[in-house]
Amino acid sequence: MSDPTATLVDLACRACQEKKGHDLVALDVRGLTSLADAFVFCSGTTGRQVKAIA
């Protein structure tokens, strides 16, 4: 990933972890879509937690 993209992905992952998110996955999708350079996914155990992560 490019430097700015990697920095933003790292920031998003750390924010998810701070909110106790789990099953964290970051995908580099450059070259696959013009929509984004990366997608970050994570899970939460309750609706309240998921809203806090979002």
PDB file of N, CA and C in Angstrom:
ATOM      1  N   MET A   1       0.839  -1.181   0.000  1.00  0.00           N
ATOM      2  CA  MET A   1       0.000   0.000   0.000  1.00  0.00           C
ATOM      3  C   MET A   1       0.879   1.238   0.000  1.00  0.00           C
ATOM      4  N   SER A   2       0.346   2.309  -0.543  1.00  0.00           N
ATOM      5  CA  SER A   2       1.094   3.558  -0.549  1.00  0.00           C
ATOM      6  C   SER A   2       1.193   4.104   0.873  1.00  0.00           C
ATOM      7  N   ASP A   3       2.134   4.984   1.081  1.00  0.00           N
ATOM      8  CA  ASP A   3       2.371   5.522   2.419  1.00  0.00           C
ATOM      9  C   ASP A   3       1.131   6.150   3.052  1.00  0.00           C
ATOM     10  N   PRO A   4       0.418   7.085   2.378  1.00  0.00           N
ATOM     11  CA  PRO A   4      -0.772   7.669   3.004  1.00  0.00           C
ATOM     12  C   PRO A   4      -1.857   6.622   3.275  1.00  0.00           C
ATOM     13  N   THR A   5      -2.013   5.687   2.367  1.00  0.00           N
ATOM     14  CA  THR A   5      -3.013   4.641   2.559  1.00  0.00           C
ATOM     15  C   THR A   5      -2.650   3.763   3.745  1.00  0.00           C
ATOM     16  N   ALA A   6      -1.406   3.356   3.837  1.00  0.00           N
ATOM     17  CA  ALA A   6      -0.966   2.515   4.952  1.00  0.00           C
ATOM     18  C   ALA A   6      -1.145   3.238   6.281  1.00  0.00           C
ATOM     19  N   THR A   7      -0.881   4.532   6.299  1.00  0.00           N
ATOM     20  CA  THR A   7      -1.051   5.319   7.519  1.00  0.00           C
ATOM     21  C   THR A   7      -2.511   5.349   7.946  1.00  0.00           C
ATOM     22  N   LEU A   8      -3.411   5.560   6.993  1.00  0.00           N
ATOM     23  CA  LEU A   8      -4.840   5.596   7.313  1.00  0.00           C
ATOM     24  C   LEU A   8      -5.365   4.227   7.734  1.00  0.00           C
ATOM     25  N   VAL A   9      -4.896   3.169   7.085  1.00  0.00           N
ATOM     26  CA  VAL A   9      -5.303   1.815   7.467  1.00  0.00           C
ATOM     27  C   VAL A   9      -4.834   1.521   8.888  1.00  0.00           C
ATOM     28  N   ASP A  10      -3.604   1.884   9.201  1.00  0.00           N
ATOM     29  CA  ASP A  10      -3.076   1.679  10.552  1.00  0.00           C
ATOM     30  C   ASP A  10      -3.903   2.447  11.576  1.00  0.00           C
ATOM     31  N   LEU A  11      -4.256   3.673  11.267  1.00  0.00           N
ATOM     32  CA  LEU A  11      -5.070   4.489  12.163  1.00  0.00           C
ATOM     33  C   LEU A  11      -6.440   3.851  12.393  1.00  0.00           C
ATOM     34  N   ALA A  12      -7.079   3.388  11.324  1.00  0.00           N
ATOM     35  CA  ALA A  12      -8.390   2.749  11.440  1.00  0.00           C
ATOM     36  C   ALA A  12      -8.307   1.464  12.264  1.00  0.00           C
ATOM     37  N   CYS A  13      -7.261   0.686  12.061  1.00  0.00           N
ATOM     38  CA  CYS A  13      -7.091  -0.562  12.812  1.00  0.00           C
ATOM     39  C   CYS A  13      -6.867  -0.286  14.293  1.00  0.00           C
ATOM     40  N   ARG A  14      -6.048   0.704  14.603  1.00  0.00           N
ATOM     41  CA  ARG A  14      -5.808   1.046  16.010  1.00  0.00           C
ATOM     42  C   ARG A  14      -7.081   1.561  16.671  1.00  0.00           C
ATOM     43  N   ALA A  15      -7.873   2.349  15.947  1.00  0.00           N
ATOM     44  CA  ALA A  15      -9.131   2.855  16.497  1.00  0.00           C
ATOM     45  C   ALA A  15     -10.092   1.708  16.782  1.00  0.00           C
ATOM     46  N   CYS A  16     -10.146   0.744  15.886  1.00  0.00           N
ATOM     47  CA  CYS A  16     -11.000  -0.428  16.091  1.00  0.00           C
ATOM     48  C   CYS A  16     -10.550  -1.202  17.327  1.00  0.00           C
ATOM     49  N   GLN A  17      -9.256  -1.407  17.475  1.00  0.00           N
ATOM     50  CA  GLN A  17      -8.731  -2.142  18.623  1.00  0.00           C
ATOM     51  C   GLN A  17      -8.987  -1.401  19.932  1.00  0.00           C
ATOM     52  N   GLU A  18      -8.914  -0.083  19.919  1.00  0.00           N
ATOM     53  CA  GLU A  18      -9.186   0.706  21.125  1.00  0.00           C
ATOM     54  C   GLU A  18     -10.628   0.540  21.587  1.00  0.00           C
ATOM     55  N   LYS A  19     -11.528   0.291  20.652  1.00  0.00           N
ATOM     56  CA  LYS A  19     -12.942   0.089  20.981  1.00  0.00           C
ATOM     57  C   LYS A  19     -13.270  -1.392  21.171  1.00  0.00           C
ATOM     58  N   LYS A  20     -12.239  -2.208  21.340  1.00  0.00           N
ATOM     59  CA  LYS A  20     -12.365  -3.650  21.598  1.00  0.00           C
ATOM     60  C   LYS A  20     -12.974  -4.416  20.428  1.00  0.00           C
ATOM     61  N   GLY A  21     -12.740  -3.933  19.209  1.00  0.00           N
ATOM     62  CA  GLY A  21     -13.167  -4.665  18.024  1.00  0.00           C
ATOM     63  C   GLY A  21     -12.325  -5.921  17.857  1.00  0.00           C
ATOM     64  N   HIS A  22     -12.871  -6.908  17.192  1.00  0.00           N
ATOM     65  CA  HIS A  22     -12.125  -8.145  16.959  1.00  0.00           C
ATOM     66  C   HIS A  22     -12.348  -8.621  15.533  1.00  0.00           C
ATOM     67  N   ASP A  23     -11.651  -9.686  15.151  1.00  0.00           N
ATOM     68  CA  ASP A  23     -11.686 -10.216  13.777  1.00  0.00           C
ATOM     69  C   ASP A  23     -11.303  -9.136  12.761  1.00  0.00           C
ATOM     70  N   LEU A  24     -10.282  -8.384  13.069  1.00  0.00           N
ATOM     71  CA  LEU A  24      -9.835  -7.265  12.241  1.00  0.00           C
ATOM     72  C   LEU A  24      -9.169  -7.766  10.962  1.00  0.00           C
ATOM     73  N   VAL A  25      -9.624  -7.213   9.823  1.00  0.00           N
ATOM     74  CA  VAL A  25      -9.057  -7.567   8.521  1.00  0.00           C
ATOM     75  C   VAL A  25      -8.884  -6.282   7.715  1.00  0.00           C
ATOM     76  N   ALA A  26      -7.708  -6.096   7.134  1.00  0.00           N
ATOM     77  CA  ALA A  26      -7.448  -4.964   6.244  1.00  0.00           C
ATOM     78  C   ALA A  26      -7.053  -5.535   4.883  1.00  0.00           C
ATOM     79  N   LEU A  27      -7.747  -5.100   3.841  1.00  0.00           N
ATOM     80  CA  LEU A  27      -7.500  -5.608   2.494  1.00  0.00           C
ATOM     81  C   LEU A  27      -7.007  -4.494   1.579  1.00  0.00           C
ATOM     82  N   ASP A  28      -5.948  -4.765   0.858  1.00  0.00           N
ATOM     83  CA  ASP A  28      -5.436  -3.852  -0.165  1.00  0.00           C
ATOM     84  C   ASP A  28      -6.190  -4.168  -1.455  1.00  0.00           C
ATOM     85  N   VAL A  29      -7.019  -3.241  -1.903  1.00  0.00           N
ATOM     86  CA  VAL A  29      -7.840  -3.478  -3.094  1.00  0.00           C
ATOM     87  C   VAL A  29      -7.450  -2.577  -4.264  1.00  0.00           C
ATOM     88  N   ARG A  30      -6.262  -1.977  -4.162  1.00  0.00           N
ATOM     89  CA  ARG A  30      -5.792  -1.176  -5.297  1.00  0.00           C
ATOM     90  C   ARG A  30      -5.694  -2.074  -6.519  1.00  0.00           C
ATOM     91  N   GLY A  31      -6.101  -1.576  -7.637  1.00  0.00           N
ATOM     92  CA  GLY A  31      -6.061  -2.360  -8.859  1.00  0.00           C
ATOM     93  C   GLY A  31      -7.292  -3.234  -9.048  1.00  0.00           C
ATOM     94  N   LEU A  32      -8.085  -3.387  -8.005  1.00  0.00           N
ATOM     95  CA  LEU A  32      -9.307  -4.185  -8.100  1.00  0.00           C
ATOM     96  C   LEU A  32     -10.547  -3.310  -8.226  1.00  0.00           C
ATOM     97  N   THR A  33     -10.485  -2.104  -7.664  1.00  0.00           N
ATOM     98  CA  THR A  33     -11.615  -1.194  -7.703  1.00  0.00           C
ATOM     99  C   THR A  33     -11.114   0.248  -7.688  1.00  0.00           C
ATOM    100  N   SER A  34     -11.866   1.135  -8.295  1.00  0.00           N
ATOM    101  CA  SER A  34     -11.506   2.554  -8.257  1.00  0.00           C
ATOM    102  C   SER A  34     -12.166   3.247  -7.067  1.00  0.00           C
ATOM    103  N   LEU A  35     -12.962   2.502  -6.316  1.00  0.00           N
ATOM    104  CA  LEU A  35     -13.691   3.053  -5.178  1.00  0.00           C
ATOM    105  C   LEU A  35     -12.778   3.380  -4.004  1.00  0.00           C
ATOM    106  N   ALA A  36     -11.806   2.518  -3.734  1.00  0.00           N
ATOM    107  CA  ALA A  36     -10.940   2.696  -2.561  1.00  0.00           C
ATOM    108  C   ALA A  36      -9.611   1.994  -2.785  1.00  0.00           C
ATOM    109  N   ASP A  37      -8.628   2.350  -1.961  1.00  0.00           N
ATOM    110  CA  ASP A  37      -7.336   1.667  -1.979  1.00  0.00           C
ATOM    111  C   ASP A  37      -7.312   0.512  -0.987  1.00  0.00           C
ATOM    112  N   ALA A  38      -8.135   0.617   0.066  1.00  0.00           N
ATOM    113  CA  ALA A  38      -8.152  -0.424   1.095  1.00  0.00           C
ATOM    114  C   ALA A  38      -9.522  -0.479   1.749  1.00  0.00           C
ATOM    115  N   PHE A  39      -9.861  -1.649   2.256  1.00  0.00           N
ATOM    116  CA  PHE A  39     -11.054  -1.845   3.071  1.00  0.00           C
ATOM    117  C   PHE A  39     -10.602  -2.382   4.416  1.00  0.00           C
ATOM    118  N   VAL A  40     -11.221  -1.886   5.484  1.00  0.00           N
ATOM    119  CA  VAL A  40     -10.934  -2.376   6.832  1.00  0.00           C
ATOM    120  C   VAL A  40     -12.241  -2.894   7.414  1.00  0.00           C
ATOM    121  N   PHE A  41     -12.215  -4.130   7.906  1.00  0.00           N
ATOM    122  CA  PHE A  41     -13.382  -4.762   8.502  1.00  0.00           C
ATOM    123  C   PHE A  41     -13.051  -5.178   9.926  1.00  0.00           C
ATOM    124  N   CYS A  42     -14.019  -5.069  10.819  1.00  0.00           N
ATOM    125  CA  CYS A  42     -13.867  -5.639  12.151  1.00  0.00           C
ATOM    126  C   CYS A  42     -15.250  -5.922  12.713  1.00  0.00           C
ATOM    127  N   SER A  43     -15.283  -6.714  13.766  1.00  0.00           N
ATOM    128  CA  SER A  43     -16.535  -7.127  14.391  1.00  0.00           C
ATOM    129  C   SER A  43     -16.626  -6.580  15.801  1.00  0.00           C
ATOM    130  N   GLY A  44     -17.854  -6.524  16.290  1.00  0.00           N
ATOM    131  CA  GLY A  44     -18.118  -6.170  17.677  1.00  0.00           C
ATOM    132  C   GLY A  44     -19.098  -7.169  18.258  1.00  0.00           C
ATOM    133  N   THR A  45     -19.182  -7.219  19.572  1.00  0.00           N
ATOM    134  CA  THR A  45     -20.035  -8.228  20.206  1.00  0.00           C
ATOM    135  C   THR A  45     -21.434  -7.722  20.519  1.00  0.00           C
ATOM    136  N   THR A  46     -21.622  -6.413  20.587  1.00  0.00           N
ATOM    137  CA  THR A  46     -22.946  -5.856  20.862  1.00  0.00           C
ATOM    138  C   THR A  46     -23.229  -4.719  19.892  1.00  0.00           C
ATOM    139  N   GLY A  47     -24.486  -4.383  19.759  1.00  0.00           N
ATOM    140  CA  GLY A  47     -24.866  -3.267  18.901  1.00  0.00           C
ATOM    141  C   GLY A  47     -24.225  -1.963  19.337  1.00  0.00           C
ATOM    142  N   ARG A  48     -24.169  -1.745  20.635  1.00  0.00           N
ATOM    143  CA  ARG A  48     -23.549  -0.531  21.170  1.00  0.00           C
ATOM    144  C   ARG A  48     -22.069  -0.465  20.803  1.00  0.00           C
ATOM    145  N   GLN A  49     -21.382  -1.593  20.902  1.00  0.00           N
ATOM    146  CA  GLN A  49     -19.958  -1.638  20.567  1.00  0.00           C
ATOM    147  C   GLN A  49     -19.750  -1.371  19.075  1.00  0.00           C
ATOM    148  N   VAL A  50     -20.577  -1.961  18.241  1.00  0.00           N
ATOM    149  CA  VAL A  50     -20.458  -1.762  16.792  1.00  0.00           C
ATOM    150  C   VAL A  50     -20.678  -0.292  16.443  1.00  0.00           C
ATOM    151  N   LYS A  51     -21.650   0.345  17.075  1.00  0.00           N
ATOM    152  CA  LYS A  51     -21.883   1.772  16.828  1.00  0.00           C
ATOM    153  C   LYS A  51     -20.690   2.607  17.273  1.00  0.00           C
ATOM    154  N   ALA A  52     -20.063   2.236  18.388  1.00  0.00           N
ATOM    155  CA  ALA A  52     -18.883   2.965  18.864  1.00  0.00           C
ATOM    156  C   ALA A  52     -17.723   2.810  17.889  1.00  0.00           C
ATOM    157  N   ILE A  53     -17.569   1.628  17.320  1.00  0.00           N
ATOM    158  CA  ILE A  53     -16.497   1.383  16.357  1.00  0.00           C
ATOM    159  C   ILE A  53     -16.745   2.171  15.075  1.00  0.00           C
ATOM    160  N   ALA A  54     -17.999   2.205  14.629  1.00  0.00           N
ATOM    161  CA  ALA A  54     -18.338   2.895  13.386  1.00  0.00           C
ATOM    162  C   ALA A  54     -18.093   4.376  13.517  1.00  0.00           C
TER     163      ALA A  54
END
